[in-house]
Amino acid sequence: MPPVSETSEYSVIAEGLRKRYGDKTAVDGLDLRVRRGTVCGLLGPNGAGKTTSVRMLSTLVRPDGGRAEVGGHDVVRRPDLVRRRIGLTGQHPAVDEILTARQNLRMFGRLFHLSHREARARAEELLAQFSLGEAADKQVRGFSGGMRRRLDLAASMILAPEVLFLDEPTTGLDPRGRREVWDAVRRLTATGTTVLLTTHYLDEADKLSDWICVVDRGRKVTEDTPAGLKRAVGGDRIEVVLADPADLPVTTTAVARVAGGRPPETDEAELRVHAPVTDGVAALTEVARTLQEAGAAVLDIGLRRPTLDEVFLRLTGDRPDEETDQEKQKENAA
């Protein structure tokens, strides 16, 4: 068992977590720690074991090996106590479209064994917290995707859980709907809720996560802050996009000079020249001055930082579609 100081620091602790479906291993010795009041992004390709991990941590699936604690309680020995401390929002909203937002929240309150008075009071609190007051008495069937997802999040917060599991919370939403969900998640963590987030939208993980764990083939590949993962891939790159192919030689020379003499990468089809640099601002200033003096026709010039997309591809690589599909089917078999 982790020491008391550790269990008070972390809301989620997993050690050597394992799960098999037949001859396929979905999760293969996962180690994970999520600090209280933070958002941890669990990233990986399809079939990497993300959904299975969430199902084990939320007591929906029993692990085959290892151990895990959520909210200070073992998920196998005391699943009842774990369930009192968690909320779970799946990939598809679980609210009733015929009922109004207010009726949905009151119904969920009663399902969680709140009294009529407590359910009504909690519904009003959540309607205000998730900015659903104006739509409280409208049928959910008329809600936008973002509003439905916010209502779904509100329903998962009926008992103010210590830990909220979000599995692909913005799948299929438009940019406005995604932003509404992001704002709701930020409000939750501001009140002390710990969030474990799985998502394929890496910009979403970048914006929301305090810590990111990358998994592949059921194992943890690496973990760090979003900024730390990007630094591991590489620092700033200077990039120049030209209008005239005749300017490629002078641009290549100028970029190579600020890159320490290393040959820059050149895309002749897109007339783009780029290279890593150590002092980005100084490099950008020098190249811009050189090209201006040479009269080069520049369409764009700037510093580019690594994205989580680049980190993800570097760490997980390409996966054959057939293998990915088979593993995803096994992962969803629970």
C-alpha atoms as a PDB file:
ATOM      1  CA  MET A   1       0.000   0.000   0.000  1.00  0.00           C
ATOM      2  CA  PRO A   2       1.254   3.536  -0.696  1.00  0.00           C
ATOM      3  CA  PRO A   3       2.097   5.601   2.384  1.00  0.00           C
ATOM      4  CA  VAL A   4      -0.616   7.888   3.764  1.00  0.00           C
ATOM      5  CA  SER A   5       1.152  10.999   2.461  1.00  0.00           C
ATOM      6  CA  GLU A   6       1.088   9.576  -1.049  1.00  0.00           C
ATOM      7  CA  THR A   7      -2.583   8.606  -1.023  1.00  0.00           C
ATOM      8  CA  SER A   8      -3.470  12.101   0.163  1.00  0.00           C
ATOM      9  CA  GLU A   9      -1.454  13.629  -2.688  1.00  0.00           C
ATOM     10  CA  TYR A  10      -2.843  11.481  -5.491  1.00  0.00           C
ATOM     11  CA  SER A  11      -6.479  10.778  -6.350  1.00  0.00           C
ATOM     12  CA  VAL A  12      -5.587   7.966  -8.773  1.00  0.00           C
ATOM     13  CA  ILE A  13      -2.811   5.418  -8.253  1.00  0.00           C
ATOM     14  CA  ALA A  14      -2.233   2.426 -10.538  1.00  0.00           C
ATOM     15  CA  GLU A  15       0.645  -0.026 -10.237  1.00  0.00           C
ATOM     16  CA  GLY A  16       1.272  -2.792 -12.769  1.00  0.00           C
ATOM     17  CA  LEU A  17      -2.357  -2.785 -13.922  1.00  0.00           C
ATOM     18  CA  ARG A  18      -3.108  -5.623 -16.364  1.00  0.00           C
ATOM     19  CA  LYS A  19      -6.082  -6.851 -18.403  1.00  0.00           C
ATOM     20  CA  ARG A  20      -6.379  -9.560 -21.048  1.00  0.00           C
ATOM     21  CA  TYR A  21      -9.234 -10.501 -23.380  1.00  0.00           C
ATOM     22  CA  GLY A  22      -8.585 -14.024 -24.578  1.00  0.00           C
ATOM     23  CA  ASP A  23      -5.129 -14.119 -26.142  1.00  0.00           C
ATOM     24  CA  LYS A  24      -4.924 -10.318 -26.443  1.00  0.00           C
ATOM     25  CA  THR A  25      -3.408  -8.092 -23.792  1.00  0.00           C
ATOM     26  CA  ALA A  26      -5.284  -4.780 -23.578  1.00  0.00           C
ATOM     27  CA  VAL A  27      -3.360  -3.311 -20.633  1.00  0.00           C
ATOM     28  CA  ASP A  28       0.110  -4.606 -19.832  1.00  0.00           C
ATOM     29  CA  GLY A  29       1.516  -3.325 -16.547  1.00  0.00           C
ATOM     30  CA  LEU A  30       0.261   0.274 -16.503  1.00  0.00           C
ATOM     31  CA  ASP A  31       1.649   2.591 -13.824  1.00  0.00           C
ATOM     32  CA  LEU A  32      -0.148   5.879 -13.268  1.00  0.00           C
ATOM     33  CA  ARG A  33      -0.429   8.605 -10.642  1.00  0.00           C
ATOM     34  CA  VAL A  34      -2.779  11.571 -10.902  1.00  0.00           C
ATOM     35  CA  ARG A  35      -2.434  14.442  -8.438  1.00  0.00           C
ATOM     36  CA  ARG A  36      -5.547  15.784  -6.759  1.00  0.00           C
ATOM     37  CA  GLY A  37      -7.261  18.696  -8.457  1.00  0.00           C
ATOM     38  CA  THR A  38      -5.454  18.269 -11.793  1.00  0.00           C
ATOM     39  CA  VAL A  39      -6.308  17.086 -15.309  1.00  0.00           C
ATOM     40  CA  CYS A  40      -4.330  14.085 -16.540  1.00  0.00           C
ATOM     41  CA  GLY A  41      -4.566  13.373 -20.257  1.00  0.00           C
ATOM     42  CA  LEU A  42      -4.313   9.669 -21.144  1.00  0.00           C
ATOM     43  CA  LEU A  43      -3.225   9.563 -24.791  1.00  0.00           C
ATOM     44  CA  GLY A  44      -2.546   6.744 -27.212  1.00  0.00           C
ATOM     45  CA  PRO A  45      -3.616   5.265 -30.554  1.00  0.00           C
ATOM     46  CA  ASN A  46      -6.763   3.180 -30.945  1.00  0.00           C
ATOM     47  CA  GLY A  47      -6.358  -0.110 -29.116  1.00  0.00           C
ATOM     48  CA  ALA A  48      -3.639   1.249 -26.820  1.00  0.00           C
ATOM     49  CA  GLY A  49      -5.620   0.359 -23.693  1.00  0.00           C
ATOM     50  CA  LYS A  50      -6.990   3.766 -22.702  1.00  0.00           C
ATOM     51  CA  THR A  51     -10.659   2.810 -22.446  1.00  0.00           C
ATOM     52  CA  THR A  52      -9.868  -0.471 -20.700  1.00  0.00           C
ATOM     53  CA  SER A  53      -7.735   1.410 -18.179  1.00  0.00           C
ATOM     54  CA  VAL A  54     -10.584   3.821 -17.457  1.00  0.00           C
ATOM     55  CA  ARG A  55     -13.003   0.916 -17.051  1.00  0.00           C
ATOM     56  CA  MET A  56     -10.730  -0.786 -14.541  1.00  0.00           C
ATOM     57  CA  LEU A  57     -10.148   2.402 -12.573  1.00  0.00           C
ATOM     58  CA  SER A  58     -13.884   3.122 -12.505  1.00  0.00           C
ATOM     59  CA  THR A  59     -14.662  -0.458 -11.301  1.00  0.00           C
ATOM     60  CA  LEU A  60     -16.531  -1.444 -14.485  1.00  0.00           C
ATOM     61  CA  VAL A  61     -13.918  -4.099 -15.319  1.00  0.00           C
ATOM     62  CA  ARG A  62     -11.918  -6.190 -12.865  1.00  0.00           C
ATOM     63  CA  PRO A  63      -8.136  -6.108 -13.407  1.00  0.00           C
ATOM     64  CA  ASP A  64      -6.311  -9.380 -14.076  1.00  0.00           C
ATOM     65  CA  GLY A  65      -3.226  -8.142 -12.273  1.00  0.00           C
ATOM     66  CA  GLY A  66      -1.647  -5.203 -10.489  1.00  0.00           C
ATOM     67  CA  ARG A  67      -3.502  -2.883  -8.181  1.00  0.00           C
ATOM     68  CA  ALA A  68      -5.200   0.496  -8.268  1.00  0.00           C
ATOM     69  CA  GLU A  69      -6.626   3.015  -5.816  1.00  0.00           C
ATOM     70  CA  VAL A  70      -9.083   5.775  -6.648  1.00  0.00           C
ATOM     71  CA  GLY A  71     -10.092   8.279  -3.995  1.00  0.00           C
ATOM     72  CA  GLY A  72      -7.967   6.390  -1.477  1.00  0.00           C
ATOM     73  CA  HIS A  73      -9.745   3.029  -1.925  1.00  0.00           C
ATOM     74  CA  ASP A  74      -8.765  -0.160  -3.718  1.00  0.00           C
ATOM     75  CA  VAL A  75     -10.830  -0.680  -6.892  1.00  0.00           C
ATOM     76  CA  VAL A  76     -11.068  -4.458  -6.339  1.00  0.00           C
ATOM     77  CA  ARG A  77     -11.464  -4.741  -2.582  1.00  0.00           C
ATOM     78  CA  ARG A  78     -13.716  -1.694  -2.050  1.00  0.00           C
ATOM     79  CA  PRO A  79     -15.412  -0.897  -5.386  1.00  0.00           C
ATOM     80  CA  ASP A  80     -18.448   0.392  -3.485  1.00  0.00           C
ATOM     81  CA  LEU A  81     -16.413   3.135  -1.836  1.00  0.00           C
ATOM     82  CA  VAL A  82     -14.672   3.983  -5.112  1.00  0.00           C
ATOM     83  CA  ARG A  83     -18.019   4.418  -6.876  1.00  0.00           C
ATOM     84  CA  ARG A  84     -19.128   6.935  -4.268  1.00  0.00           C
ATOM     85  CA  ARG A  85     -16.120   9.088  -5.125  1.00  0.00           C
ATOM     86  CA  ILE A  86     -16.150   9.052  -8.910  1.00  0.00           C
ATOM     87  CA  GLY A  87     -18.103  10.277 -11.902  1.00  0.00           C
ATOM     88  CA  LEU A  88     -17.884   8.774 -15.376  1.00  0.00           C
ATOM     89  CA  THR A  89     -18.780  10.425 -18.665  1.00  0.00           C
ATOM     90  CA  GLY A  90     -18.566   8.151 -21.692  1.00  0.00           C
ATOM     91  CA  GLN A  91     -18.233   8.959 -25.364  1.00  0.00           C
ATOM     92  CA  HIS A  92     -21.973   9.442 -25.835  1.00  0.00           C
ATOM     93  CA  PRO A  93     -24.279  11.587 -23.637  1.00  0.00           C
ATOM     94  CA  ALA A  94     -26.493   9.521 -21.323  1.00  0.00           C
ATOM     95  CA  VAL A  95     -29.220  12.102 -20.747  1.00  0.00           C
ATOM     96  CA  ASP A  96     -32.902  11.649 -21.628  1.00  0.00           C
ATOM     97  CA  GLU A  97     -33.842  13.714 -24.693  1.00  0.00           C
ATOM     98  CA  ILE A  98     -37.530  13.879 -23.838  1.00  0.00           C
ATOM     99  CA  LEU A  99     -36.987  15.388 -20.399  1.00  0.00           C
ATOM    100  CA  THR A 100     -35.842  18.939 -19.747  1.00  0.00           C
ATOM    101  CA  ALA A 101     -32.394  19.717 -18.371  1.00  0.00           C
ATOM    102  CA  ARG A 102     -33.855  20.351 -14.919  1.00  0.00           C
ATOM    103  CA  GLN A 103     -35.854  17.111 -14.991  1.00  0.00           C
ATOM    104  CA  ASN A 104     -32.785  15.139 -16.064  1.00  0.00           C
ATOM    105  CA  LEU A 105     -30.696  16.408 -13.177  1.00  0.00           C
ATOM    106  CA  ARG A 106     -33.466  15.820 -10.648  1.00  0.00           C
ATOM    107  CA  MET A 107     -33.910  12.289 -11.982  1.00  0.00           C
ATOM    108  CA  PHE A 108     -30.180  11.562 -11.663  1.00  0.00           C
ATOM    109  CA  GLY A 109     -30.253  12.977  -8.151  1.00  0.00           C
ATOM    110  CA  ARG A 110     -32.974  10.546  -7.162  1.00  0.00           C
ATOM    111  CA  LEU A 111     -31.060   7.681  -8.831  1.00  0.00           C
ATOM    112  CA  PHE A 112     -28.138   8.601  -6.592  1.00  0.00           C
ATOM    113  CA  HIS A 113     -30.476   8.265  -3.578  1.00  0.00           C
ATOM    114  CA  LEU A 114     -30.819  11.966  -2.829  1.00  0.00           C
ATOM    115  CA  SER A 115     -34.089  13.018  -1.261  1.00  0.00           C
ATOM    116  CA  HIS A 116     -36.575  14.994  -3.372  1.00  0.00           C
ATOM    117  CA  ARG A 117     -35.480  18.216  -1.699  1.00  0.00           C
ATOM    118  CA  GLU A 118     -31.755  17.417  -2.090  1.00  0.00           C
ATOM    119  CA  ALA A 119     -32.196  16.427  -5.732  1.00  0.00           C
ATOM    120  CA  ARG A 120     -34.011  19.675  -6.537  1.00  0.00           C
ATOM    121  CA  ALA A 121     -31.378  21.771  -4.762  1.00  0.00           C
ATOM    122  CA  ARG A 122     -28.476  19.959  -6.425  1.00  0.00           C
ATOM    123  CA  ALA A 123     -30.102  20.322  -9.843  1.00  0.00           C
ATOM    124  CA  GLU A 124     -30.318  24.091  -9.407  1.00  0.00           C
ATOM    125  CA  GLU A 125     -26.674  24.279  -8.312  1.00  0.00           C
ATOM    126  CA  LEU A 126     -25.510  22.321 -11.348  1.00  0.00           C
ATOM    127  CA  LEU A 127     -27.666  24.264 -13.803  1.00  0.00           C
ATOM    128  CA  ALA A 128     -25.961  27.426 -12.606  1.00  0.00           C
ATOM    129  CA  GLN A 129     -22.494  25.882 -12.491  1.00  0.00           C
ATOM    130  CA  PHE A 130     -22.706  24.653 -16.088  1.00  0.00           C
ATOM    131  CA  SER A 131     -24.442  27.777 -17.458  1.00  0.00           C
ATOM    132  CA  LEU A 132     -27.645  25.915 -18.313  1.00  0.00           C
ATOM    133  CA  GLY A 133     -30.074  28.104 -16.391  1.00  0.00           C
ATOM    134  CA  GLU A 134     -31.730  29.694 -19.439  1.00  0.00           C
ATOM    135  CA  ALA A 135     -32.301  26.268 -21.018  1.00  0.00           C
ATOM    136  CA  ALA A 136     -33.299  24.515 -17.791  1.00  0.00           C
ATOM    137  CA  ASP A 137     -36.929  23.931 -18.817  1.00  0.00           C
ATOM    138  CA  LYS A 138     -36.325  23.050 -22.452  1.00  0.00           C
ATOM    139  CA  GLN A 139     -36.335  19.506 -23.794  1.00  0.00           C
ATOM    140  CA  VAL A 140     -32.851  18.125 -24.330  1.00  0.00           C
ATOM    141  CA  ARG A 141     -33.762  17.040 -27.877  1.00  0.00           C
ATOM    142  CA  GLY A 142     -33.430  20.682 -28.909  1.00  0.00           C
ATOM    143  CA  PHE A 143     -29.977  21.171 -27.330  1.00  0.00           C
ATOM    144  CA  SER A 144     -26.789  21.666 -29.313  1.00  0.00           C
ATOM    145  CA  GLY A 145     -24.047  19.059 -28.978  1.00  0.00           C
ATOM    146  CA  GLY A 146     -22.098  21.249 -26.577  1.00  0.00           C
ATOM    147  CA  MET A 147     -25.133  21.837 -24.359  1.00  0.00           C
ATOM    148  CA  ARG A 148     -25.909  18.112 -24.233  1.00  0.00           C
ATOM    149  CA  ARG A 149     -22.358  17.335 -23.241  1.00  0.00           C
ATOM    150  CA  ARG A 150     -22.398  20.023 -20.546  1.00  0.00           C
ATOM    151  CA  LEU A 151     -25.628  18.533 -19.186  1.00  0.00           C
ATOM    152  CA  ASP A 152     -24.020  15.085 -19.261  1.00  0.00           C
ATOM    153  CA  LEU A 153     -21.062  16.449 -17.295  1.00  0.00           C
ATOM    154  CA  ALA A 154     -23.451  18.049 -14.813  1.00  0.00           C
ATOM    155  CA  ALA A 155     -25.244  14.716 -14.335  1.00  0.00           C
ATOM    156  CA  SER A 156     -21.914  13.007 -13.583  1.00  0.00           C
ATOM    157  CA  MET A 157     -21.284  15.626 -10.888  1.00  0.00           C
ATOM    158  CA  ILE A 158     -24.467  14.998  -8.880  1.00  0.00           C
ATOM    159  CA  LEU A 159     -22.481  13.739  -5.888  1.00  0.00           C
ATOM    160  CA  ALA A 160     -19.574  16.174  -6.449  1.00  0.00           C
ATOM    161  CA  PRO A 161     -17.125  13.322  -7.147  1.00  0.00           C
ATOM    162  CA  GLU A 162     -13.501  13.526  -6.174  1.00  0.00           C
ATOM    163  CA  VAL A 163     -12.482  11.977  -9.518  1.00  0.00           C
ATOM    164  CA  LEU A 164     -14.182  12.412 -12.890  1.00  0.00           C
ATOM    165  CA  PHE A 165     -13.353  10.086 -15.790  1.00  0.00           C
ATOM    166  CA  LEU A 166     -13.900  11.692 -19.196  1.00  0.00           C
ATOM    167  CA  ASP A 167     -13.688   9.291 -22.142  1.00  0.00           C
ATOM    168  CA  GLU A 168     -13.550  11.209 -25.450  1.00  0.00           C
ATOM    169  CA  PRO A 169     -15.820  13.981 -24.099  1.00  0.00           C
ATOM    170  CA  THR A 170     -15.922  16.158 -27.235  1.00  0.00           C
ATOM    171  CA  THR A 171     -16.158  13.556 -30.000  1.00  0.00           C
ATOM    172  CA  GLY A 172     -18.381  14.876 -32.778  1.00  0.00           C
ATOM    173  CA  LEU A 173     -18.754  18.383 -31.353  1.00  0.00           C
ATOM    174  CA  ASP A 174     -18.184  21.535 -33.374  1.00  0.00           C
ATOM    175  CA  PRO A 175     -15.548  24.080 -32.210  1.00  0.00           C
ATOM    176  CA  ARG A 176     -18.091  26.040 -30.159  1.00  0.00           C
ATOM    177  CA  GLY A 177     -19.319  22.882 -28.425  1.00  0.00           C
ATOM    178  CA  ARG A 178     -15.770  21.756 -27.674  1.00  0.00           C
ATOM    179  CA  ARG A 179     -14.945  25.117 -26.119  1.00  0.00           C
ATOM    180  CA  GLU A 180     -18.067  24.928 -23.944  1.00  0.00           C
ATOM    181  CA  VAL A 181     -16.951  21.539 -22.628  1.00  0.00           C
ATOM    182  CA  TRP A 182     -13.395  22.793 -22.039  1.00  0.00           C
ATOM    183  CA  ASP A 183     -14.722  25.692 -19.981  1.00  0.00           C
ATOM    184  CA  ALA A 184     -16.849  23.298 -17.932  1.00  0.00           C
ATOM    185  CA  VAL A 185     -13.855  21.026 -17.245  1.00  0.00           C
ATOM    186  CA  ARG A 186     -11.744  23.998 -16.132  1.00  0.00           C
ATOM    187  CA  ARG A 187     -14.475  25.049 -13.708  1.00  0.00           C
ATOM    188  CA  LEU A 188     -14.550  21.530 -12.252  1.00  0.00           C
ATOM    189  CA  THR A 189     -10.822  21.374 -11.568  1.00  0.00           C
ATOM    190  CA  ALA A 190     -10.966  24.864 -10.069  1.00  0.00           C
ATOM    191  CA  THR A 191     -13.277  23.423  -7.396  1.00  0.00           C
ATOM    192  CA  GLY A 192     -10.858  20.545  -6.642  1.00  0.00           C
ATOM    193  CA  THR A 193     -12.147  17.736  -8.869  1.00  0.00           C
ATOM    194  CA  THR A 194      -9.482  15.465 -10.373  1.00  0.00           C
ATOM    195  CA  VAL A 195     -10.041  14.635 -14.058  1.00  0.00           C
ATOM    196  CA  LEU A 196      -8.666  11.700 -16.040  1.00  0.00           C
ATOM    197  CA  LEU A 197      -9.199  12.551 -19.698  1.00  0.00           C
ATOM    198  CA  THR A 198      -8.893  10.331 -22.760  1.00  0.00           C
ATOM    199  CA  THR A 199      -9.054  12.091 -26.097  1.00  0.00           C
ATOM    200  CA  HIS A 200      -7.862  11.857 -29.687  1.00  0.00           C
ATOM    201  CA  TYR A 201      -7.896  15.644 -30.018  1.00  0.00           C
ATOM    202  CA  LEU A 202      -4.328  16.510 -29.086  1.00  0.00           C
ATOM    203  CA  ASP A 203      -5.019  20.236 -29.010  1.00  0.00           C
ATOM    204  CA  GLU A 204      -7.655  19.438 -26.384  1.00  0.00           C
ATOM    205  CA  ALA A 205      -5.147  17.514 -24.284  1.00  0.00           C
ATOM    206  CA  ASP A 206      -2.656  20.352 -24.693  1.00  0.00           C
ATOM    207  CA  LYS A 207      -5.110  23.001 -23.489  1.00  0.00           C
ATOM    208  CA  LEU A 208      -6.686  21.068 -20.612  1.00  0.00           C
ATOM    209  CA  SER A 209      -4.036  18.746 -19.194  1.00  0.00           C
ATOM    210  CA  ASP A 210      -1.648  19.526 -16.370  1.00  0.00           C
ATOM    211  CA  TRP A 211       0.038  16.172 -16.945  1.00  0.00           C
ATOM    212  CA  ILE A 212       0.005  13.751 -19.884  1.00  0.00           C
ATOM    213  CA  CYS A 213       0.600  10.001 -19.921  1.00  0.00           C
ATOM    214  CA  VAL A 214       1.176   8.434 -23.343  1.00  0.00           C
ATOM    215  CA  VAL A 215       0.322   4.733 -23.647  1.00  0.00           C
ATOM    216  CA  ASP A 216       0.814   2.286 -26.491  1.00  0.00           C
ATOM    217  CA  ARG A 217       0.102  -1.452 -26.640  1.00  0.00           C
ATOM    218  CA  GLY A 218      -1.125  -1.354 -23.062  1.00  0.00           C
ATOM    219  CA  ARG A 219       2.072   0.135 -21.634  1.00  0.00           C
ATOM    220  CA  LYS A 220       3.112   3.607 -20.560  1.00  0.00           C
ATOM    221  CA  VAL A 221       5.512   5.078 -23.093  1.00  0.00           C
ATOM    222  CA  THR A 222       6.272   8.325 -21.296  1.00  0.00           C
ATOM    223  CA  GLU A 223       4.702  11.023 -19.142  1.00  0.00           C
ATOM    224  CA  ASP A 224       5.337  14.702 -18.534  1.00  0.00           C
ATOM    225  CA  THR A 225       3.702  18.095 -18.745  1.00  0.00           C
ATOM    226  CA  PRO A 226       2.572  19.130 -22.251  1.00  0.00           C
ATOM    227  CA  ALA A 227       5.479  21.592 -22.411  1.00  0.00           C
ATOM    228  CA  GLY A 228       7.930  18.936 -21.225  1.00  0.00           C
ATOM    229  CA  LEU A 229       6.823  16.484 -23.904  1.00  0.00           C
ATOM    230  CA  LYS A 230       7.269  19.124 -26.592  1.00  0.00           C
ATOM    231  CA  ARG A 231      10.738  20.013 -25.345  1.00  0.00           C
ATOM    232  CA  ALA A 232      11.710  16.344 -25.569  1.00  0.00           C
ATOM    233  CA  VAL A 233      10.857  16.354 -29.284  1.00  0.00           C
ATOM    234  CA  GLY A 234      12.839  19.508 -30.005  1.00  0.00           C
ATOM    235  CA  GLY A 235      12.999  23.239 -29.534  1.00  0.00           C
ATOM    236  CA  ASP A 236      12.151  26.140 -31.816  1.00  0.00           C
ATOM    237  CA  ARG A 237      12.366  25.847 -35.577  1.00  0.00           C
ATOM    238  CA  ILE A 238      12.644  28.739 -37.986  1.00  0.00           C
ATOM    239  CA  GLU A 239      10.507  28.374 -41.099  1.00  0.00           C
ATOM    240  CA  VAL A 240      10.451  30.420 -44.287  1.00  0.00           C
ATOM    241  CA  VAL A 241       7.893  30.075 -47.080  1.00  0.00           C
ATOM    242  CA  LEU A 242       8.805  31.690 -50.408  1.00  0.00           C
ATOM    243  CA  ALA A 243       6.906  32.962 -53.419  1.00  0.00           C
ATOM    244  CA  ASP A 244       9.684  32.388 -55.972  1.00  0.00           C
ATOM    245  CA  PRO A 245      11.791  29.195 -56.391  1.00  0.00           C
ATOM    246  CA  ALA A 246      14.734  31.391 -57.422  1.00  0.00           C
ATOM    247  CA  ASP A 247      15.034  32.538 -53.798  1.00  0.00           C
ATOM    248  CA  LEU A 248      15.605  29.027 -52.422  1.00  0.00           C
ATOM    249  CA  PRO A 249      19.460  29.150 -52.559  1.00  0.00           C
ATOM    250  CA  VAL A 250      19.827  32.420 -50.629  1.00  0.00           C
ATOM    251  CA  THR A 251      17.184  31.302 -48.123  1.00  0.00           C
ATOM    252  CA  THR A 252      18.855  27.938 -47.581  1.00  0.00           C
ATOM    253  CA  THR A 253      22.183  29.648 -46.937  1.00  0.00           C
ATOM    254  CA  ALA A 254      20.657  32.161 -44.522  1.00  0.00           C
ATOM    255  CA  VAL A 255      18.780  29.498 -42.530  1.00  0.00           C
ATOM    256  CA  ALA A 256      21.843  27.207 -42.432  1.00  0.00           C
ATOM    257  CA  ARG A 257      23.916  30.039 -40.941  1.00  0.00           C
ATOM    258  CA  VAL A 258      21.567  30.538 -37.967  1.00  0.00           C
ATOM    259  CA  ALA A 259      21.217  26.766 -37.550  1.00  0.00           C
ATOM    260  CA  GLY A 260      24.915  26.375 -36.809  1.00  0.00           C
ATOM    261  CA  GLY A 261      25.850  25.378 -40.334  1.00  0.00           C
ATOM    262  CA  ARG A 262      23.574  22.330 -40.401  1.00  0.00           C
ATOM    263  CA  PRO A 263      21.742  21.882 -43.718  1.00  0.00           C
ATOM    264  CA  PRO A 264      18.111  22.953 -43.313  1.00  0.00           C
ATOM    265  CA  GLU A 265      15.202  20.884 -44.585  1.00  0.00           C
ATOM    266  CA  THR A 266      13.872  22.130 -47.895  1.00  0.00           C
ATOM    267  CA  ASP A 267      10.508  21.376 -49.461  1.00  0.00           C
ATOM    268  CA  GLU A 268      10.895  22.486 -53.065  1.00  0.00           C
ATOM    269  CA  ALA A 269       7.253  21.763 -53.897  1.00  0.00           C
ATOM    270  CA  GLU A 270       5.958  24.096 -51.184  1.00  0.00           C
ATOM    271  CA  LEU A 271       8.989  26.429 -51.317  1.00  0.00           C
ATOM    272  CA  ARG A 272       9.506  25.979 -47.573  1.00  0.00           C
ATOM    273  CA  VAL A 273      12.845  25.999 -45.741  1.00  0.00           C
ATOM    274  CA  HIS A 274      13.094  25.175 -42.044  1.00  0.00           C
ATOM    275  CA  ALA A 275      15.652  24.148 -39.421  1.00  0.00           C
ATOM    276  CA  PRO A 276      16.008  23.898 -35.619  1.00  0.00           C
ATOM    277  CA  VAL A 277      17.583  26.887 -33.863  1.00  0.00           C
ATOM    278  CA  THR A 278      18.734  27.592 -30.307  1.00  0.00           C
ATOM    279  CA  ASP A 279      18.105  31.340 -30.062  1.00  0.00           C
ATOM    280  CA  GLY A 280      14.845  31.702 -31.937  1.00  0.00           C
ATOM    281  CA  VAL A 281      14.388  35.459 -31.779  1.00  0.00           C
ATOM    282  CA  ALA A 282      17.949  36.241 -32.861  1.00  0.00           C
ATOM    283  CA  ALA A 283      17.763  33.674 -35.667  1.00  0.00           C
ATOM    284  CA  LEU A 284      14.459  35.055 -36.923  1.00  0.00           C
ATOM    285  CA  THR A 285      15.795  38.621 -36.915  1.00  0.00           C
ATOM    286  CA  GLU A 286      18.954  37.697 -38.805  1.00  0.00           C
ATOM    287  CA  VAL A 287      17.206  35.636 -41.483  1.00  0.00           C
ATOM    288  CA  ALA A 288      14.535  38.282 -42.008  1.00  0.00           C
ATOM    289  CA  ARG A 289      17.204  40.972 -42.453  1.00  0.00           C
ATOM    290  CA  THR A 290      19.243  38.834 -44.851  1.00  0.00           C
ATOM    291  CA  LEU A 291      16.264  38.002 -47.035  1.00  0.00           C
ATOM    292  CA  GLN A 292      15.073  41.596 -47.066  1.00  0.00           C
ATOM    293  CA  GLU A 293      18.491  42.784 -48.211  1.00  0.00           C
ATOM    294  CA  ALA A 294      18.533  40.086 -50.903  1.00  0.00           C
ATOM    295  CA  GLY A 295      15.102  41.146 -52.129  1.00  0.00           C
ATOM    296  CA  ALA A 296      13.638  37.661 -51.613  1.00  0.00           C
ATOM    297  CA  ALA A 297       9.885  37.307 -52.032  1.00  0.00           C
ATOM    298  CA  VAL A 298       8.816  35.882 -48.649  1.00  0.00           C
ATOM    299  CA  LEU A 299       5.249  34.709 -48.110  1.00  0.00           C
ATOM    300  CA  ASP A 300       5.718  33.743 -44.482  1.00  0.00           C
ATOM    301  CA  ILE A 301       8.494  33.619 -41.911  1.00  0.00           C
ATOM    302  CA  GLY A 302       8.294  32.663 -38.269  1.00  0.00           C
ATOM    303  CA  LEU A 303       9.226  30.428 -35.342  1.00  0.00           C
ATOM    304  CA  ARG A 304       7.430  27.128 -35.016  1.00  0.00           C
ATOM    305  CA  ARG A 305       7.276  25.119 -31.798  1.00  0.00           C
ATOM    306  CA  PRO A 306       6.612  21.366 -31.639  1.00  0.00           C
ATOM    307  CA  THR A 307       2.990  20.307 -31.251  1.00  0.00           C
ATOM    308  CA  LEU A 308       1.548  17.379 -29.324  1.00  0.00           C
ATOM    309  CA  ASP A 309       0.730  15.846 -32.701  1.00  0.00           C
ATOM    310  CA  GLU A 310       4.467  15.644 -33.419  1.00  0.00           C
ATOM    311  CA  VAL A 311       5.128  14.229 -29.958  1.00  0.00           C
ATOM    312  CA  PHE A 312       2.398  11.633 -30.406  1.00  0.00           C
ATOM    313  CA  LEU A 313       3.658  10.461 -33.807  1.00  0.00           C
ATOM    314  CA  ARG A 314       7.255  10.370 -32.603  1.00  0.00           C
ATOM    315  CA  LEU A 315       6.350   8.223 -29.586  1.00  0.00           C
ATOM    316  CA  THR A 316       3.761   5.877 -31.065  1.00  0.00           C
ATOM    317  CA  GLY A 317       4.663   5.785 -34.771  1.00  0.00           C
ATOM    318  CA  ASP A 318       2.388   4.305 -37.408  1.00  0.00           C
ATOM    319  CA  ARG A 319       0.154   1.364 -36.590  1.00  0.00           C
ATOM    320  CA  PRO A 320      -1.309  -1.020 -39.211  1.00  0.00           C
ATOM    321  CA  ASP A 321      -5.048  -0.454 -39.541  1.00  0.00           C
ATOM    322  CA  GLU A 322      -5.883  -4.165 -39.237  1.00  0.00           C
ATOM    323  CA  GLU A 323      -4.022  -4.530 -35.950  1.00  0.00           C
ATOM    324  CA  THR A 324      -5.493  -1.322 -34.582  1.00  0.00           C
ATOM    325  CA  ASP A 325      -9.034  -2.418 -35.406  1.00  0.00           C
ATOM    326  CA  GLN A 326      -8.562  -5.811 -33.756  1.00  0.00           C
ATOM    327  CA  GLU A 327      -7.129  -4.294 -30.604  1.00  0.00           C
ATOM    328  CA  LYS A 328      -9.899  -1.688 -30.408  1.00  0.00           C
ATOM    329  CA  GLN A 329     -12.511  -4.434 -30.666  1.00  0.00           C
ATOM    330  CA  LYS A 330     -10.856  -6.289 -27.790  1.00  0.00           C
ATOM    331  CA  GLU A 331     -10.628  -3.103 -25.734  1.00  0.00           C
ATOM    332  CA  ASN A 332     -14.338  -2.405 -26.265  1.00  0.00           C
ATOM    333  CA  ALA A 333     -15.379  -5.963 -25.503  1.00  0.00           C
ATOM    334  CA  ALA A 334     -15.872  -5.298 -21.799  1.00  0.00           C
END
